[in-house]
Amino acid sequence: MSQRELPDYELIETQSALDAFYEENKDVEWFCFDTEFIGERRFTTLLCLIQVATEHGLYLIDTIKLQNNIDPFLKIIEDERVLKITHAGENDYRLLNILFGTIPKNTFDAQIAGGFVGYKYPVAFRKLVEGEAGVRLKKGFAVTDWERRPMSPKQIDYALDDVIFLKELHDKLTAKGRENGRVDWIFDECKLMERPEYYYQQPHKEALNSNLIRNVRFKEQVFLVRLFAWRNSEAERKNYSRDMILQKKLIAPITKAMGAGPAALAGNRRIPERIANRFADNFFRMYEAPATEEEREILKHIPEENEEDLEENIMTEMLHLIIHKKSLQADMSVNLVMPRRIIRDMKQDPEFFEPILENTWRKEFLGEKVIEWLKNRSRLEMSFEGGNFTIEMVEK
């Protein structure tokens, strides 16, 4: 089978070409884009390519050649006058936020929109294109060496496909959203990606969420925070993945061995000799140093380990099933209405309530009664009588 002819596009490799691109597109009404990047074996993900489609044509911005000097592109991403159209844009926006601090404005995401008009969420780009544009895209280049230069025609073809259909997806999905009265819901959900807090990451999240930290003494807890922080800073300094600095599976045996001194590392068969020889003294100094006030404050945020309440977990799952049924009847994706992470957090903390359930389109969709049940699930009781199932609120 012969290679199909590539569509016309402009390859942007110089600052002057990027400036010209900005001048040509700064006043467009819509702006479709996608990114290609490599994150394996690195601390900082390498942004390799940005694909763009606008009313003026197709563009490939070579971020490697530009050495990530892409301010003109970022200006458009932050311009609230220009509608940005993506698919699974959360990944692109998170990377742009990490690398440049960018907060997007005026966003539309086809994957999110699909969840409001009958598609499962998350829905693959190929499935959306096939369903809405009637085109079956080729597989094969989702994982490729995007750092390689020059790019092959097949890579370029694959990259352009990721943006060519985005405007059509926007038009057809928003039309369906208007038909079912949910177009405002689509844009409300996309606006979550336009908030700075959406991109916040607790700097000690990895340590605080480890199963180990709740099951060791205070001194080991402090060491664990320090060990994760050291691993992170070394990975950043060398631009290696964290596991290239210290495999995560070694953190527990190292932490448990520290109380017996540096020699205990060398005598632990689970800890490689090269790790013990190289880092034992450094780790022991980290272990022996007194806890700082900052570290004490960090440890206050260790999630509490609540004893599992089987009755309450059943009630939480029942509420989720009710929402699932309601979503099916409305041809909505339950994973969009009620992400599983919310169910998980509700089970972990009986007092937890996710604010987006009450402050967005979800409140309108779920209704006052279901919201009340979710907020007061510890006061709910189920009963089965005469073949009937009831849920009622009781005083406790």
Protein backbone atom coordinates (compact mmCIF):
# COMPACT_ATOMS: atom_id res chain seq x y z
CA MET A 1 0.00 0.00 0.00
CA SER A 2 1.47 3.35 -0.98
CA GLN A 3 2.02 6.12 1.55
CA ARG A 4 -0.77 8.71 1.39
CA GLU A 5 0.24 12.23 0.43
CA LEU A 6 0.85 14.50 3.40
CA PRO A 7 -1.45 17.52 3.75
CA ASP A 8 0.09 20.96 3.43
CA TYR A 9 1.64 22.17 6.67
CA GLU A 10 4.25 24.64 7.89
CA LEU A 11 7.21 23.40 9.93
CA ILE A 12 8.29 26.02 12.48
CA GLU A 13 11.89 25.64 13.60
CA THR A 14 13.10 29.21 14.15
CA GLN A 15 12.11 32.08 16.41
CA SER A 16 11.31 34.31 13.47
CA ALA A 17 8.98 31.65 12.02
CA LEU A 18 7.26 31.30 15.42
CA ASP A 19 6.82 35.07 15.65
CA ALA A 20 5.27 35.07 12.18
CA PHE A 21 2.99 32.20 13.22
CA TYR A 22 1.82 34.26 16.19
CA GLU A 23 1.10 37.34 14.08
CA GLU A 24 -0.89 35.23 11.64
CA ASN A 25 -2.93 33.45 14.31
CA LYS A 26 -3.21 35.77 17.30
CA ASP A 27 -6.71 36.89 16.32
CA VAL A 28 -8.23 33.57 15.22
CA GLU A 29 -11.51 32.45 16.76
CA TRP A 30 -10.43 28.82 17.30
CA PHE A 31 -7.09 27.10 17.78
CA CYS A 32 -6.67 23.30 17.79
CA PHE A 33 -3.51 21.82 19.23
CA ASP A 34 -1.87 18.68 20.55
CA THR A 35 1.61 17.85 21.86
CA GLU A 36 4.08 15.00 21.55
CA PHE A 37 6.49 14.40 24.41
CA ILE A 38 8.83 11.86 25.99
CA GLY A 39 8.74 11.24 29.73
CA GLU A 40 10.53 7.92 30.07
CA ARG A 41 13.78 7.84 32.05
CA ARG A 42 13.61 11.61 32.73
CA PHE A 43 12.63 13.83 35.61
CA THR A 44 11.47 16.64 33.33
CA THR A 45 9.29 15.50 30.46
CA LEU A 46 10.74 16.53 27.10
CA LEU A 47 8.28 18.48 24.96
CA CYS A 48 9.16 17.44 21.41
CA LEU A 49 6.48 18.78 19.10
CA ILE A 50 3.31 20.89 19.06
CA GLN A 51 0.76 20.35 16.33
CA VAL A 52 -1.63 23.21 15.53
CA ALA A 53 -4.62 23.64 13.25
CA THR A 54 -6.33 27.00 12.72
CA GLU A 55 -8.38 28.62 9.97
CA HIS A 56 -5.05 29.56 8.35
CA GLY A 57 -3.70 26.01 8.06
CA LEU A 58 -1.66 23.30 9.75
CA TYR A 59 1.57 23.86 11.68
CA LEU A 60 4.21 21.74 13.38
CA ILE A 61 6.17 23.65 16.03
CA ASP A 62 9.50 21.95 16.63
CA THR A 63 10.05 22.68 20.32
CA ILE A 64 13.37 20.83 20.29
CA LYS A 65 14.81 23.09 17.61
CA LEU A 66 13.32 26.09 19.42
CA GLN A 67 14.78 24.91 22.74
CA ASN A 68 11.37 25.43 24.35
CA ASN A 69 11.40 29.17 23.60
CA ILE A 70 7.72 29.17 22.67
CA ASP A 71 6.31 32.30 24.33
CA PRO A 72 4.27 33.33 21.25
CA PHE A 73 2.46 29.97 21.32
CA LEU A 74 1.85 30.28 25.07
CA LYS A 75 0.34 33.73 24.60
CA ILE A 76 -2.40 32.19 22.47
CA ILE A 77 -3.00 29.41 25.01
CA GLU A 78 -3.53 32.08 27.69
CA ASP A 79 -5.63 34.38 25.45
CA GLU A 80 -9.26 34.21 26.57
CA ARG A 81 -10.45 35.52 23.20
CA VAL A 82 -9.26 32.38 21.37
CA LEU A 83 -11.07 29.06 21.83
CA LYS A 84 -8.55 26.26 22.38
CA ILE A 85 -9.74 22.86 21.12
CA THR A 86 -8.05 19.67 22.36
CA HIS A 87 -8.63 16.00 23.02
CA ALA A 88 -7.50 14.85 26.48
CA GLY A 89 -6.07 18.35 26.82
CA GLU A 90 -5.48 17.88 30.55
CA ASN A 91 -2.22 16.08 29.71
CA ASP A 92 -1.05 18.90 27.44
CA TYR A 93 -2.04 21.66 29.84
CA ARG A 94 -0.39 19.93 32.82
CA LEU A 95 2.86 19.65 30.88
CA LEU A 96 2.70 23.30 29.79
CA ASN A 97 1.99 24.29 33.38
CA ILE A 98 4.94 22.29 34.73
CA LEU A 99 7.35 23.62 32.10
CA PHE A 100 6.15 27.22 31.76
CA GLY A 101 3.56 27.92 34.47
CA THR A 102 0.89 28.34 31.79
CA ILE A 103 -2.79 28.52 32.77
CA PRO A 104 -5.07 28.10 29.73
CA LYS A 105 -8.14 30.21 29.04
CA ASN A 106 -11.25 29.49 26.95
CA THR A 107 -10.94 25.72 26.56
CA PHE A 108 -12.95 23.00 24.87
CA ASP A 109 -12.01 19.34 25.19
CA ALA A 110 -13.50 16.77 22.82
CA GLN A 111 -12.94 13.90 25.26
CA ILE A 112 -14.91 15.72 27.95
CA ALA A 113 -17.63 16.71 25.48
CA GLY A 114 -17.98 13.10 24.36
CA GLY A 115 -18.92 12.06 27.89
CA PHE A 116 -21.96 14.37 27.76
CA VAL A 117 -23.34 13.05 24.47
CA GLY A 118 -23.25 9.27 24.80
CA TYR A 119 -19.58 8.27 24.67
CA LYS A 120 -17.79 6.56 27.52
CA TYR A 121 -15.37 8.76 29.43
CA PRO A 122 -12.51 8.80 28.76
CA VAL A 123 -13.04 8.06 25.07
CA ALA A 124 -10.16 7.39 22.68
CA PHE A 125 -9.47 9.96 19.97
CA ARG A 126 -9.72 7.31 17.25
CA LYS A 127 -13.19 6.30 18.44
CA LEU A 128 -14.42 9.89 18.48
CA VAL A 129 -13.07 10.57 14.99
CA GLU A 130 -14.61 7.40 13.66
CA GLY A 131 -17.95 8.12 15.34
CA GLU A 132 -18.23 11.81 14.42
CA ALA A 133 -16.15 12.22 11.25
CA GLY A 134 -16.54 8.72 9.82
CA VAL A 135 -12.77 8.34 9.42
CA ARG A 136 -10.78 5.37 10.72
CA LEU A 137 -7.34 6.55 11.79
CA LYS A 138 -4.26 4.35 11.58
CA LYS A 139 -2.53 2.98 14.67
CA GLY A 140 1.17 2.54 15.22
CA PHE A 141 2.84 5.84 16.13
CA ALA A 142 1.39 6.62 19.54
CA VAL A 143 4.71 5.46 21.01
CA THR A 144 7.61 6.53 18.83
CA ASP A 145 10.85 8.48 19.17
CA TRP A 146 9.57 12.03 18.93
CA GLU A 147 13.03 13.34 19.78
CA ARG A 148 14.47 12.00 16.52
CA ARG A 149 15.27 14.51 13.80
CA PRO A 150 14.41 14.65 11.01
CA MET A 151 10.95 13.26 11.64
CA SER A 152 9.74 10.59 9.25
CA PRO A 153 6.77 11.18 6.93
CA LYS A 154 4.80 8.61 8.95
CA GLN A 155 5.48 10.49 12.18
CA ILE A 156 4.39 13.76 10.58
CA ASP A 157 1.26 12.12 9.16
CA TYR A 158 0.35 10.72 12.57
CA ALA A 159 1.04 14.05 14.29
CA LEU A 160 -1.14 16.03 11.88
CA ASP A 161 -4.02 13.57 12.24
CA ASP A 162 -4.17 14.51 15.93
CA VAL A 163 -5.33 18.05 15.08
CA ILE A 164 -6.92 17.88 11.63
CA PHE A 165 -10.23 16.56 13.00
CA LEU A 166 -10.47 18.59 16.21
CA LYS A 167 -12.53 21.48 14.79
CA GLU A 168 -15.01 19.05 13.24
CA LEU A 169 -15.27 17.22 16.57
CA HIS A 170 -15.92 20.53 18.32
CA ASP A 171 -18.67 21.48 15.89
CA LYS A 172 -20.46 18.13 15.98
CA LEU A 173 -20.14 17.54 19.72
CA THR A 174 -21.31 21.04 20.64
CA ALA A 175 -24.26 20.62 18.25
CA LYS A 176 -25.23 17.43 20.08
CA GLY A 177 -24.72 19.26 23.37
CA ARG A 178 -27.16 21.95 22.28
CA GLU A 179 -29.68 19.32 21.22
CA ASN A 180 -29.64 17.62 24.63
CA GLY A 181 -29.32 20.86 26.60
CA ARG A 182 -25.81 20.14 27.91
CA VAL A 183 -23.55 22.44 25.93
CA ASP A 184 -23.18 24.77 28.93
CA TRP A 185 -22.26 21.75 31.07
CA ILE A 186 -19.50 20.85 28.61
CA PHE A 187 -17.90 24.27 28.87
CA ASP A 188 -18.38 24.40 32.65
CA GLU A 189 -16.46 21.13 33.00
CA CYS A 190 -13.70 22.37 30.68
CA LYS A 191 -13.34 25.50 32.82
CA LEU A 192 -11.89 23.35 35.60
CA MET A 193 -8.69 23.24 33.53
CA GLU A 194 -8.57 27.06 33.58
CA ARG A 195 -8.06 27.31 37.35
CA PRO A 196 -4.57 27.52 38.91
CA GLU A 197 -5.58 25.14 41.71
CA TYR A 198 -6.28 22.44 39.12
CA TYR A 199 -2.52 22.10 38.63
CA TYR A 200 -1.42 22.21 42.27
CA GLN A 201 0.50 19.17 43.48
CA GLN A 202 1.27 18.56 47.15
CA PRO A 203 5.12 18.53 47.11
CA HIS A 204 5.30 15.68 49.65
CA LYS A 205 2.38 13.71 48.23
CA GLU A 206 4.46 10.62 47.44
CA ALA A 207 5.72 10.29 51.01
CA LEU A 208 2.42 11.16 52.69
CA ASN A 209 0.45 8.69 50.58
CA SER A 210 2.84 5.79 51.10
CA ASN A 211 1.41 2.90 53.08
CA LEU A 212 4.61 2.78 55.14
CA ILE A 213 4.39 6.24 56.72
CA ARG A 214 1.35 5.36 58.84
CA ASN A 215 3.01 2.23 60.23
CA VAL A 216 6.39 3.46 61.47
CA ARG A 217 7.59 5.59 64.37
CA PHE A 218 7.92 9.38 64.20
CA LYS A 219 11.68 9.25 63.52
CA GLU A 220 11.16 6.90 60.57
CA GLN A 221 8.36 9.13 59.31
CA VAL A 222 10.70 12.12 59.25
CA PHE A 223 13.35 10.06 57.48
CA LEU A 224 10.81 8.88 54.94
CA VAL A 225 9.86 12.46 54.06
CA ARG A 226 13.57 13.30 53.71
CA LEU A 227 14.32 10.21 51.62
CA PHE A 228 11.55 10.94 49.14
CA ALA A 229 12.64 14.59 48.96
CA TRP A 230 16.29 13.58 48.40
CA ARG A 231 15.26 11.12 45.68
CA ASN A 232 13.20 13.83 44.01
CA SER A 233 15.92 16.50 44.13
CA GLU A 234 18.59 14.14 42.82
CA ALA A 235 16.31 13.09 39.97
CA GLU A 236 15.67 16.74 39.11
CA ARG A 237 19.38 17.62 39.31
CA LYS A 238 20.39 14.82 36.95
CA ASN A 239 17.18 14.83 34.90
CA TYR A 240 16.75 11.12 35.57
CA SER A 241 13.58 9.29 36.48
CA ARG A 242 13.11 8.87 40.23
CA ASP A 243 13.52 5.10 39.97
CA MET A 244 16.90 5.60 38.26
CA ILE A 245 18.04 7.37 41.44
CA LEU A 246 16.48 4.94 43.91
CA GLN A 247 13.91 2.28 43.11
CA LYS A 248 10.68 2.82 45.00
CA LYS A 249 10.65 -0.80 46.17
CA LEU A 250 13.86 -0.14 48.15
CA ILE A 251 12.44 2.72 50.21
CA ALA A 252 10.64 0.51 52.75
CA PRO A 253 13.59 -1.80 53.54
CA ILE A 254 15.96 1.17 53.78
CA THR A 255 13.63 3.01 56.16
CA LYS A 256 13.11 -0.03 58.37
CA ALA A 257 16.86 -0.74 58.52
CA MET A 258 17.97 2.77 59.51
CA GLY A 259 17.37 2.33 63.23
CA ALA A 260 20.15 -0.26 63.37
CA GLY A 261 22.73 2.06 61.80
CA PRO A 262 24.60 2.18 58.46
CA ALA A 263 25.90 -1.38 58.77
CA ALA A 264 22.32 -2.67 58.69
CA LEU A 265 21.98 -1.54 55.08
CA ALA A 266 24.93 -3.64 54.01
CA GLY A 267 23.57 -6.64 55.86
CA ASN A 268 20.10 -6.42 54.33
CA ARG A 269 19.78 -8.80 51.41
CA ARG A 270 16.91 -6.76 49.95
CA ILE A 271 19.14 -3.70 49.54
CA PRO A 272 21.68 -3.83 46.68
CA GLU A 273 25.29 -3.62 47.81
CA ARG A 274 26.01 -0.65 45.55
CA ILE A 275 23.21 1.34 47.24
CA ALA A 276 24.46 0.47 50.73
CA ASN A 277 28.08 1.29 49.87
CA ARG A 278 27.28 4.56 48.20
CA PHE A 279 24.57 6.06 50.37
CA ALA A 280 24.62 4.42 53.83
CA ASP A 281 26.44 7.26 55.61
CA ASN A 282 24.38 9.95 53.91
CA PHE A 283 21.11 8.17 54.73
CA PHE A 284 22.17 7.70 58.36
CA ARG A 285 22.92 11.43 58.71
CA MET A 286 19.46 12.14 57.28
CA TYR A 287 17.98 9.71 59.78
CA GLU A 288 19.77 11.14 62.84
CA ALA A 289 19.15 14.85 62.16
CA PRO A 290 16.46 16.34 64.46
CA ALA A 291 13.06 17.02 62.93
CA THR A 292 12.48 20.61 61.85
CA GLU A 293 9.27 22.53 62.50
CA GLU A 294 8.55 22.38 58.78
CA GLU A 295 8.84 18.60 58.81
CA ARG A 296 6.58 18.34 61.83
CA GLU A 297 4.03 20.42 59.96
CA ILE A 298 4.31 18.18 56.89
CA LEU A 299 3.63 15.09 58.98
CA LYS A 300 0.39 16.60 60.26
CA HIS A 301 -0.98 15.97 56.77
CA ILE A 302 -0.58 12.20 56.87
CA PRO A 303 -4.01 10.84 55.87
CA GLU A 304 -5.80 9.21 58.76
CA GLU A 305 -6.31 5.50 58.48
CA ASN A 306 -9.95 5.04 59.33
CA GLU A 307 -11.22 1.64 60.27
CA GLU A 308 -13.26 0.29 57.39
CA ASP A 309 -16.98 0.73 57.94
CA LEU A 310 -18.58 -1.99 55.84
CA GLU A 311 -22.09 -0.54 56.18
CA GLU A 312 -20.97 2.89 55.05
CA ASN A 313 -18.94 1.47 52.16
CA ILE A 314 -22.01 -0.43 50.99
CA MET A 315 -24.04 2.77 51.18
CA THR A 316 -21.38 4.67 49.21
CA GLU A 317 -21.37 1.98 46.51
CA MET A 318 -25.17 2.02 46.46
CA LEU A 319 -25.19 5.77 45.89
CA HIS A 320 -22.67 5.29 43.11
CA LEU A 321 -24.93 2.66 41.50
CA ILE A 322 -27.89 5.05 41.70
CA ILE A 323 -25.81 7.72 39.96
CA HIS A 324 -24.65 5.11 37.43
CA LYS A 325 -28.27 4.24 36.62
CA LYS A 326 -29.22 7.91 36.33
CA SER A 327 -26.25 8.47 34.00
CA LEU A 328 -27.22 5.53 31.79
CA GLN A 329 -30.76 6.82 31.47
CA ALA A 330 -29.44 10.23 30.46
CA ASP A 331 -26.84 8.77 28.04
CA MET A 332 -24.04 10.30 30.12
CA SER A 333 -20.75 8.74 31.19
CA VAL A 334 -20.81 7.93 34.91
CA ASN A 335 -17.02 8.31 35.01
CA LEU A 336 -17.52 11.95 34.08
CA VAL A 337 -20.44 12.54 36.44
CA MET A 338 -18.86 10.76 39.41
CA PRO A 339 -15.15 9.97 38.95
CA ARG A 340 -13.98 6.88 40.83
CA ARG A 341 -11.47 8.98 42.79
CA ILE A 342 -14.41 10.66 44.53
CA ILE A 343 -15.84 7.28 45.56
CA ARG A 344 -12.39 6.25 46.83
CA ASP A 345 -12.03 9.45 48.89
CA MET A 346 -15.54 9.06 50.28
CA LYS A 347 -14.69 5.56 51.50
CA GLN A 348 -11.43 6.72 53.07
CA ASP A 349 -12.99 9.67 54.88
CA PRO A 350 -16.61 9.49 56.14
CA GLU A 351 -16.71 13.31 56.25
CA PHE A 352 -15.36 13.86 52.74
CA PHE A 353 -17.53 15.68 50.21
CA GLU A 354 -16.21 16.77 46.82
CA PRO A 355 -17.13 20.46 46.24
CA ILE A 356 -17.50 20.06 42.46
CA LEU A 357 -20.56 17.88 43.10
CA GLU A 358 -22.39 20.88 44.49
CA ASN A 359 -20.84 23.81 42.66
CA THR A 360 -21.09 22.77 38.98
CA TRP A 361 -23.50 21.25 36.48
CA ARG A 362 -23.41 18.07 38.57
CA LYS A 363 -25.75 19.60 41.14
CA GLU A 364 -28.32 20.25 38.44
CA PHE A 365 -27.92 16.76 37.00
CA LEU A 366 -27.87 14.81 40.26
CA GLY A 367 -30.58 16.82 41.99
CA GLU A 368 -30.92 18.09 45.54
CA LYS A 369 -31.90 14.73 47.03
CA VAL A 370 -28.85 12.81 45.74
CA ILE A 371 -26.53 15.66 46.78
CA GLU A 372 -28.07 15.55 50.26
CA TRP A 373 -27.51 11.79 50.42
CA LEU A 374 -23.87 12.17 49.36
CA LYS A 375 -23.21 14.86 51.96
CA ASN A 376 -24.94 12.94 54.78
CA ARG A 377 -24.24 9.34 53.83
CA SER A 378 -23.28 8.41 57.41
CA ARG A 379 -26.90 9.18 58.40
CA LEU A 380 -28.49 7.05 55.69
CA GLU A 381 -30.11 3.71 56.30
CA MET A 382 -31.31 1.14 53.77
CA SER A 383 -34.24 -1.14 54.36
CA PHE A 384 -35.91 -3.97 52.46
CA GLU A 385 -39.57 -4.59 53.21
CA GLY A 386 -42.22 -6.35 51.15
CA GLY A 387 -39.98 -6.42 48.11
CA ASN A 388 -39.37 -2.67 48.34
CA PHE A 389 -36.01 -0.96 48.82
CA THR A 390 -35.84 2.39 50.60
CA ILE A 391 -33.13 4.85 51.65
CA GLU A 392 -33.93 7.32 54.41
CA MET A 393 -32.11 9.85 56.52
CA VAL A 394 -32.00 9.17 60.26
CA GLU A 395 -30.69 11.13 63.22
CA LYS A 396 -27.51 9.68 64.77
